[in-house]
Amino acid sequence: MGFDEQYKEFERSYATISNMIDKK
């Protein structure tokens, strides 16, 4: 239980980091 929520938050964080690296 709550795994879906954790995964969503993780995906969001990953997307943000990916975006930052992409803007390098």
PDB file of N, CA and C in Angstrom:
ATOM      1  N   MET A   1       0.848  -1.217   0.000  1.00  0.00           N
ATOM      2  CA  MET A   1       0.000   0.000   0.000  1.00  0.00           C
ATOM      3  C   MET A   1       0.878   1.261   0.000  1.00  0.00           C
ATOM      4  N   GLY A   2       0.473   2.246  -0.757  1.00  0.00           N
ATOM      5  CA  GLY A   2       1.261   3.476  -0.770  1.00  0.00           C
ATOM      6  C   GLY A   2       2.430   3.395  -1.759  1.00  0.00           C
ATOM      7  N   PHE A   3       2.602   2.231  -2.359  1.00  0.00           N
ATOM      8  CA  PHE A   3       3.730   2.098  -3.312  1.00  0.00           C
ATOM      9  C   PHE A   3       3.476   2.979  -4.538  1.00  0.00           C
ATOM     10  N   ASP A   4       2.252   2.979  -5.010  1.00  0.00           N
ATOM     11  CA  ASP A   4       1.909   3.793  -6.191  1.00  0.00           C
ATOM     12  C   ASP A   4       2.247   5.260  -5.924  1.00  0.00           C
ATOM     13  N   GLU A   5       1.920   5.721  -4.732  1.00  0.00           N
ATOM     14  CA  GLU A   5       2.185   7.121  -4.388  1.00  0.00           C
ATOM     15  C   GLU A   5       3.691   7.378  -4.402  1.00  0.00           C
ATOM     16  N   GLN A   6       4.426   6.469  -3.799  1.00  0.00           N
ATOM     17  CA  GLN A   6       5.892   6.640  -3.744  1.00  0.00           C
ATOM     18  C   GLN A   6       6.458   6.655  -5.161  1.00  0.00           C
ATOM     19  N   TYR A   7       5.982   5.750  -5.982  1.00  0.00           N
ATOM     20  CA  TYR A   7       6.491   5.669  -7.354  1.00  0.00           C
ATOM     21  C   TYR A   7       6.205   6.966  -8.116  1.00  0.00           C
ATOM     22  N   LYS A   8       5.007   7.496  -7.903  1.00  0.00           N
ATOM     23  CA  LYS A   8       4.643   8.751  -8.604  1.00  0.00           C
ATOM     24  C   LYS A   8       5.593   9.864  -8.179  1.00  0.00           C
ATOM     25  N   GLU A   9       5.857   9.947  -6.901  1.00  0.00           N
ATOM     26  CA  GLU A   9       6.749  11.009  -6.397  1.00  0.00           C
ATOM     27  C   GLU A   9       8.161  10.786  -6.958  1.00  0.00           C
ATOM     28  N   PHE A  10       8.586   9.536  -6.996  1.00  0.00           N
ATOM     29  CA  PHE A  10       9.925   9.229  -7.508  1.00  0.00           C
ATOM     30  C   PHE A  10      10.006   9.609  -8.994  1.00  0.00           C
ATOM     31  N   GLU A  11       8.975   9.271  -9.718  1.00  0.00           N
ATOM     32  CA  GLU A  11       8.970   9.592 -11.166  1.00  0.00           C
ATOM     33  C   GLU A  11       9.066  11.107 -11.354  1.00  0.00           C
ATOM     34  N   ARG A  12       8.345  11.846 -10.509  1.00  0.00           N
ATOM     35  CA  ARG A  12       8.349  13.302 -10.627  1.00  0.00           C
ATOM     36  C   ARG A  12       9.770  13.836 -10.340  1.00  0.00           C
ATOM     37  N   SER A  13      10.370  13.323  -9.301  1.00  0.00           N
ATOM     38  CA  SER A  13      11.728  13.782  -8.949  1.00  0.00           C
ATOM     39  C   SER A  13      12.682  13.442 -10.094  1.00  0.00           C
ATOM     40  N   TYR A  14      12.564  12.250 -10.626  1.00  0.00           N
ATOM     41  CA  TYR A  14      13.450  11.825 -11.718  1.00  0.00           C
ATOM     42  C   TYR A  14      13.274  12.747 -12.933  1.00  0.00           C
ATOM     43  N   ALA A  15      12.037  13.077 -13.220  1.00  0.00           N
ATOM     44  CA  ALA A  15      11.762  13.951 -14.379  1.00  0.00           C
ATOM     45  C   ALA A  15      12.406  15.316 -14.144  1.00  0.00           C
ATOM     46  N   THR A  16      12.305  15.811 -12.931  1.00  0.00           N
ATOM     47  CA  THR A  16      12.903  17.127 -12.632  1.00  0.00           C
ATOM     48  C   THR A  16      14.411  17.076 -12.806  1.00  0.00           C
ATOM     49  N   ILE A  17      15.020  16.039 -12.271  1.00  0.00           N
ATOM     50  CA  ILE A  17      16.486  15.906 -12.392  1.00  0.00           C
ATOM     51  C   ILE A  17      16.864  15.764 -13.868  1.00  0.00           C
ATOM     52  N   SER A  18      16.105  14.972 -14.576  1.00  0.00           N
ATOM     53  CA  SER A  18      16.390  14.750 -16.012  1.00  0.00           C
ATOM     54  C   SER A  18      16.331  16.092 -16.738  1.00  0.00           C
ATOM     55  N   ASN A  19      15.353  16.878 -16.387  1.00  0.00           N
ATOM     56  CA  ASN A  19      15.193  18.186 -17.040  1.00  0.00           C
ATOM     57  C   ASN A  19      16.412  19.056 -16.762  1.00  0.00           C
ATOM     58  N   MET A  20      16.871  19.041 -15.527  1.00  0.00           N
ATOM     59  CA  MET A  20      18.023  19.873 -15.152  1.00  0.00           C
ATOM     60  C   MET A  20      19.254  19.431 -15.956  1.00  0.00           C
ATOM     61  N   ILE A  21      19.436  18.139 -16.068  1.00  0.00           N
ATOM     62  CA  ILE A  21      20.605  17.633 -16.805  1.00  0.00           C
ATOM     63  C   ILE A  21      20.460  17.981 -18.290  1.00  0.00           C
ATOM     64  N   ASP A  22      19.248  17.918 -18.771  1.00  0.00           N
ATOM     65  CA  ASP A  22      19.010  18.206 -20.188  1.00  0.00           C
ATOM     66  C   ASP A  22      19.341  19.666 -20.506  1.00  0.00           C
ATOM     67  N   LYS A  23      19.114  20.561 -19.551  1.00  0.00           N
ATOM     68  CA  LYS A  23      19.331  21.998 -19.815  1.00  0.00           C
ATOM     69  C   LYS A  23      20.813  22.351 -19.754  1.00  0.00           C
ATOM     70  N   LYS A  24      21.648  21.408 -19.330  1.00  0.00           N
ATOM     71  CA  LYS A  24      23.082  21.684 -19.177  1.00  0.00           C
ATOM     72  C   LYS A  24      23.600  22.497 -20.361  1.00  0.00           C
TER      73      LYS A  24
END
